[in-house]
N, C-alpha and C. Protein backbone atom coordinates (compact mmCIF):
# COMPACT_ATOMS: atom_id res chain seq x y z
N MET A 1 -268.17 -237.77 -83.91
CA MET A 1 -268.07 -238.91 -83.03
C MET A 1 -266.63 -239.38 -82.99
N SER A 2 -266.08 -239.54 -81.79
CA SER A 2 -264.74 -240.01 -81.64
C SER A 2 -264.74 -241.52 -81.43
N SER A 3 -263.71 -242.16 -81.95
CA SER A 3 -263.56 -243.58 -81.69
C SER A 3 -262.07 -243.91 -81.67
N ALA A 4 -261.73 -244.97 -80.97
CA ALA A 4 -260.33 -245.40 -80.86
C ALA A 4 -260.33 -246.86 -80.50
N THR A 5 -259.18 -247.51 -80.70
CA THR A 5 -259.03 -248.91 -80.36
C THR A 5 -258.00 -249.02 -79.25
N ARG A 6 -258.32 -249.81 -78.23
CA ARG A 6 -257.41 -250.04 -77.10
C ARG A 6 -257.45 -251.52 -76.76
N LYS A 7 -256.35 -252.02 -76.22
CA LYS A 7 -256.30 -253.42 -75.76
C LYS A 7 -256.80 -253.48 -74.33
N VAL A 8 -257.50 -254.56 -74.00
CA VAL A 8 -257.96 -254.79 -72.63
C VAL A 8 -256.84 -255.52 -71.90
N GLY A 9 -256.50 -255.01 -70.72
CA GLY A 9 -255.45 -255.63 -69.92
C GLY A 9 -255.94 -256.90 -69.22
N GLU A 10 -255.00 -257.57 -68.55
CA GLU A 10 -255.34 -258.85 -67.88
C GLU A 10 -256.47 -258.69 -66.87
N ARG A 11 -256.53 -257.56 -66.21
CA ARG A 11 -257.57 -257.35 -65.19
C ARG A 11 -258.80 -256.63 -65.74
N GLY A 12 -258.92 -256.58 -67.06
CA GLY A 12 -260.09 -255.95 -67.69
C GLY A 12 -260.01 -254.44 -67.79
N GLN A 13 -258.84 -253.88 -67.56
CA GLN A 13 -258.69 -252.43 -67.60
C GLN A 13 -258.45 -251.92 -69.01
N VAL A 14 -259.02 -250.75 -69.28
CA VAL A 14 -258.86 -250.09 -70.57
C VAL A 14 -258.61 -248.61 -70.31
N THR A 15 -257.69 -248.02 -71.05
CA THR A 15 -257.43 -246.58 -70.90
C THR A 15 -258.34 -245.83 -71.88
N ILE A 16 -259.06 -244.85 -71.36
CA ILE A 16 -259.90 -244.00 -72.22
C ILE A 16 -258.97 -243.01 -72.91
N PRO A 17 -259.04 -242.90 -74.25
CA PRO A 17 -258.15 -241.98 -74.97
C PRO A 17 -258.28 -240.53 -74.45
N LYS A 18 -257.15 -239.85 -74.43
CA LYS A 18 -257.10 -238.47 -73.88
C LYS A 18 -258.08 -237.53 -74.58
N ASP A 19 -258.17 -237.60 -75.92
CA ASP A 19 -259.07 -236.67 -76.61
C ASP A 19 -260.53 -236.89 -76.19
N ILE A 20 -260.90 -238.14 -75.93
CA ILE A 20 -262.27 -238.42 -75.48
C ILE A 20 -262.45 -237.94 -74.03
N ARG A 21 -261.45 -238.21 -73.17
CA ARG A 21 -261.51 -237.74 -71.77
C ARG A 21 -261.66 -236.22 -71.74
N ASP A 22 -260.89 -235.54 -72.57
CA ASP A 22 -260.94 -234.08 -72.62
C ASP A 22 -262.31 -233.60 -73.10
N LYS A 23 -262.81 -234.20 -74.16
CA LYS A 23 -264.10 -233.80 -74.72
C LYS A 23 -265.25 -234.01 -73.75
N GLU A 24 -265.20 -235.12 -73.00
CA GLU A 24 -266.27 -235.44 -72.05
C GLU A 24 -265.96 -234.97 -70.64
N ASN A 25 -264.86 -234.27 -70.47
CA ASN A 25 -264.44 -233.74 -69.17
C ASN A 25 -264.36 -234.83 -68.12
N ILE A 26 -263.74 -235.95 -68.49
CA ILE A 26 -263.54 -237.06 -67.56
C ILE A 26 -262.17 -236.90 -66.94
N GLN A 27 -262.15 -236.77 -65.61
CA GLN A 27 -260.91 -236.53 -64.88
C GLN A 27 -260.59 -237.72 -63.99
N SER A 28 -259.35 -237.78 -63.54
CA SER A 28 -258.93 -238.83 -62.62
C SER A 28 -259.86 -238.83 -61.39
N GLY A 29 -260.35 -239.97 -61.01
CA GLY A 29 -261.24 -240.08 -59.86
C GLY A 29 -262.72 -240.03 -60.22
N ASP A 30 -263.04 -239.56 -61.43
CA ASP A 30 -264.46 -239.54 -61.86
C ASP A 30 -264.98 -240.97 -62.03
N GLU A 31 -266.26 -241.14 -61.84
CA GLU A 31 -266.86 -242.43 -62.07
C GLU A 31 -267.50 -242.45 -63.46
N VAL A 32 -267.41 -243.63 -64.09
CA VAL A 32 -268.04 -243.81 -65.39
C VAL A 32 -269.02 -244.98 -65.29
N GLU A 33 -270.03 -244.95 -66.12
CA GLU A 33 -271.04 -246.01 -66.14
C GLU A 33 -270.84 -246.84 -67.41
N PHE A 34 -271.07 -248.13 -67.30
CA PHE A 34 -270.99 -249.01 -68.46
C PHE A 34 -272.39 -249.52 -68.77
N HIS A 35 -272.76 -249.44 -70.05
CA HIS A 35 -274.07 -249.91 -70.49
C HIS A 35 -273.87 -250.88 -71.65
N ASN A 36 -274.59 -251.97 -71.61
CA ASN A 36 -274.57 -252.94 -72.69
C ASN A 36 -275.90 -252.81 -73.43
N GLU A 37 -275.84 -252.28 -74.66
CA GLU A 37 -277.05 -252.04 -75.44
C GLU A 37 -276.93 -252.68 -76.80
N ASN A 38 -277.78 -253.65 -77.07
CA ASN A 38 -277.81 -254.28 -78.39
C ASN A 38 -276.41 -254.74 -78.86
N GLY A 39 -275.68 -255.37 -77.96
CA GLY A 39 -274.36 -255.88 -78.33
C GLY A 39 -273.25 -254.85 -78.34
N GLU A 40 -273.55 -253.60 -77.96
CA GLU A 40 -272.55 -252.55 -77.88
C GLU A 40 -272.32 -252.18 -76.42
N VAL A 41 -271.07 -251.99 -76.05
CA VAL A 41 -270.76 -251.53 -74.71
C VAL A 41 -270.51 -250.03 -74.80
N ARG A 42 -271.24 -249.30 -74.01
CA ARG A 42 -271.11 -247.83 -73.99
C ARG A 42 -270.59 -247.40 -72.63
N ILE A 43 -269.70 -246.44 -72.66
CA ILE A 43 -269.14 -245.88 -71.42
C ILE A 43 -269.61 -244.44 -71.34
N LYS A 44 -270.12 -244.04 -70.19
CA LYS A 44 -270.64 -242.69 -70.02
C LYS A 44 -270.18 -242.17 -68.66
N LYS A 45 -269.79 -240.90 -68.65
CA LYS A 45 -269.42 -240.27 -67.39
C LYS A 45 -270.66 -240.26 -66.48
N LYS A 46 -270.49 -240.70 -65.25
CA LYS A 46 -271.62 -240.69 -64.31
C LYS A 46 -271.96 -239.26 -63.98
N GLU A 47 -273.21 -238.92 -64.09
CA GLU A 47 -273.64 -237.56 -63.81
C GLU A 47 -273.61 -237.31 -62.31
N ASP A 48 -272.98 -236.24 -61.97
CA ASP A 48 -272.88 -235.84 -60.56
C ASP A 48 -274.13 -235.01 -60.23
N PHE A 49 -274.87 -235.44 -59.22
CA PHE A 49 -276.11 -234.75 -58.86
C PHE A 49 -275.88 -233.29 -58.55
N GLU A 50 -274.81 -232.97 -57.81
CA GLU A 50 -274.53 -231.58 -57.46
C GLU A 50 -274.20 -230.77 -58.70
N GLU A 51 -273.49 -231.38 -59.63
CA GLU A 51 -273.15 -230.69 -60.89
C GLU A 51 -274.41 -230.39 -61.70
N ARG A 52 -275.31 -231.36 -61.78
CA ARG A 52 -276.56 -231.16 -62.50
C ARG A 52 -277.42 -230.09 -61.81
N LEU A 53 -277.44 -230.11 -60.48
CA LEU A 53 -278.19 -229.12 -59.71
C LEU A 53 -277.64 -227.73 -59.97
N GLU A 54 -276.32 -227.60 -59.94
CA GLU A 54 -275.68 -226.30 -60.20
C GLU A 54 -276.03 -225.79 -61.59
N GLU A 55 -275.97 -226.67 -62.59
CA GLU A 55 -276.31 -226.29 -63.96
C GLU A 55 -277.78 -225.84 -64.04
N GLY A 56 -278.65 -226.53 -63.31
CA GLY A 56 -280.07 -226.15 -63.28
C GLY A 56 -280.28 -224.79 -62.67
N TYR A 57 -279.59 -224.54 -61.55
CA TYR A 57 -279.71 -223.21 -60.92
C TYR A 57 -279.17 -222.11 -61.81
N LYS A 58 -278.07 -222.38 -62.48
CA LYS A 58 -277.51 -221.38 -63.42
C LYS A 58 -278.48 -221.07 -64.53
N ALA A 59 -279.11 -222.10 -65.06
CA ALA A 59 -280.08 -221.91 -66.14
C ALA A 59 -281.29 -221.10 -65.64
N MET A 60 -281.76 -221.43 -64.44
CA MET A 60 -282.89 -220.68 -63.86
C MET A 60 -282.51 -219.22 -63.61
N ALA A 61 -281.30 -218.99 -63.12
CA ALA A 61 -280.85 -217.62 -62.84
C ALA A 61 -280.77 -216.81 -64.14
N GLU A 62 -280.26 -217.44 -65.20
CA GLU A 62 -280.15 -216.77 -66.49
C GLU A 62 -281.53 -216.44 -67.04
N LYS A 63 -282.46 -217.35 -66.88
CA LYS A 63 -283.83 -217.14 -67.33
C LYS A 63 -284.48 -215.99 -66.55
N SER A 64 -284.27 -215.99 -65.24
CA SER A 64 -284.82 -214.91 -64.39
C SER A 64 -284.22 -213.56 -64.75
N LYS A 65 -282.92 -213.55 -65.02
CA LYS A 65 -282.26 -212.29 -65.38
C LYS A 65 -282.85 -211.76 -66.70
N LYS A 66 -283.01 -212.63 -67.66
CA LYS A 66 -283.56 -212.24 -68.95
C LYS A 66 -284.99 -211.70 -68.80
N MET A 67 -285.79 -212.40 -67.96
CA MET A 67 -287.17 -211.95 -67.74
C MET A 67 -287.19 -210.60 -67.05
N SER A 68 -286.29 -210.39 -66.07
CA SER A 68 -286.23 -209.12 -65.38
C SER A 68 -285.88 -207.98 -66.34
N GLU A 69 -284.92 -208.26 -67.22
CA GLU A 69 -284.55 -207.24 -68.22
C GLU A 69 -285.71 -206.90 -69.14
N GLU A 70 -286.47 -207.92 -69.54
CA GLU A 70 -287.63 -207.69 -70.39
C GLU A 70 -288.69 -206.87 -69.66
N MET A 71 -288.89 -207.17 -68.39
CA MET A 71 -289.89 -206.45 -67.60
C MET A 71 -289.47 -204.98 -67.42
N ILE A 72 -288.19 -204.75 -67.17
CA ILE A 72 -287.69 -203.38 -67.02
C ILE A 72 -287.90 -202.61 -68.32
N ASN A 73 -287.60 -203.24 -69.46
CA ASN A 73 -287.81 -202.58 -70.74
C ASN A 73 -289.28 -202.30 -70.98
N ALA A 74 -290.15 -203.23 -70.65
CA ALA A 74 -291.60 -203.04 -70.84
C ALA A 74 -292.09 -201.92 -69.93
N SER A 75 -291.59 -201.88 -68.70
CA SER A 75 -292.01 -200.82 -67.77
C SER A 75 -291.56 -199.47 -68.27
N SER A 76 -290.32 -199.39 -68.76
CA SER A 76 -289.79 -198.13 -69.28
C SER A 76 -290.62 -197.64 -70.46
N GLU A 77 -290.98 -198.57 -71.36
CA GLU A 77 -291.80 -198.22 -72.50
C GLU A 77 -293.19 -197.73 -72.04
N ALA A 78 -293.77 -198.37 -71.05
CA ALA A 78 -295.07 -197.97 -70.56
C ALA A 78 -295.02 -196.58 -69.92
N ILE A 79 -293.98 -196.31 -69.17
CA ILE A 79 -293.82 -194.99 -68.53
C ILE A 79 -293.64 -193.92 -69.59
N ASP A 80 -292.85 -194.22 -70.63
CA ASP A 80 -292.67 -193.26 -71.71
C ASP A 80 -293.99 -192.97 -72.42
N GLU A 81 -294.79 -194.00 -72.64
CA GLU A 81 -296.10 -193.84 -73.30
C GLU A 81 -297.03 -192.95 -72.43
N LEU A 82 -297.01 -193.20 -71.12
CA LEU A 82 -297.87 -192.39 -70.21
C LEU A 82 -297.40 -190.94 -70.17
N ASN A 83 -296.10 -190.73 -70.22
CA ASN A 83 -295.58 -189.36 -70.13
C ASN A 83 -295.85 -188.59 -71.43
N GLU A 84 -296.02 -189.27 -72.54
CA GLU A 84 -296.32 -188.60 -73.82
C GLU A 84 -297.77 -188.14 -73.89
N GLU A 85 -298.63 -188.74 -73.07
CA GLU A 85 -300.05 -188.37 -73.18
C GLU A 85 -300.36 -187.07 -72.52
């Protein structure tokens, strides 16, 4: 867990430390969300719907690829078994 101390400017602005921006992939122009939970203020990068959708499609594609490879292996094994008989 990273933590740092920063001063709040006159207009309420705070700079997010570079190591935290890098770790959370927060870039200039990104939106962040502020949450007040049990007396703690939490800052979180706003999730981009398109980014989440892309990650979901990539995960589905990887799962489909793995399943296809397993099916090909099972089919090959079945054909080998039939040819041995």
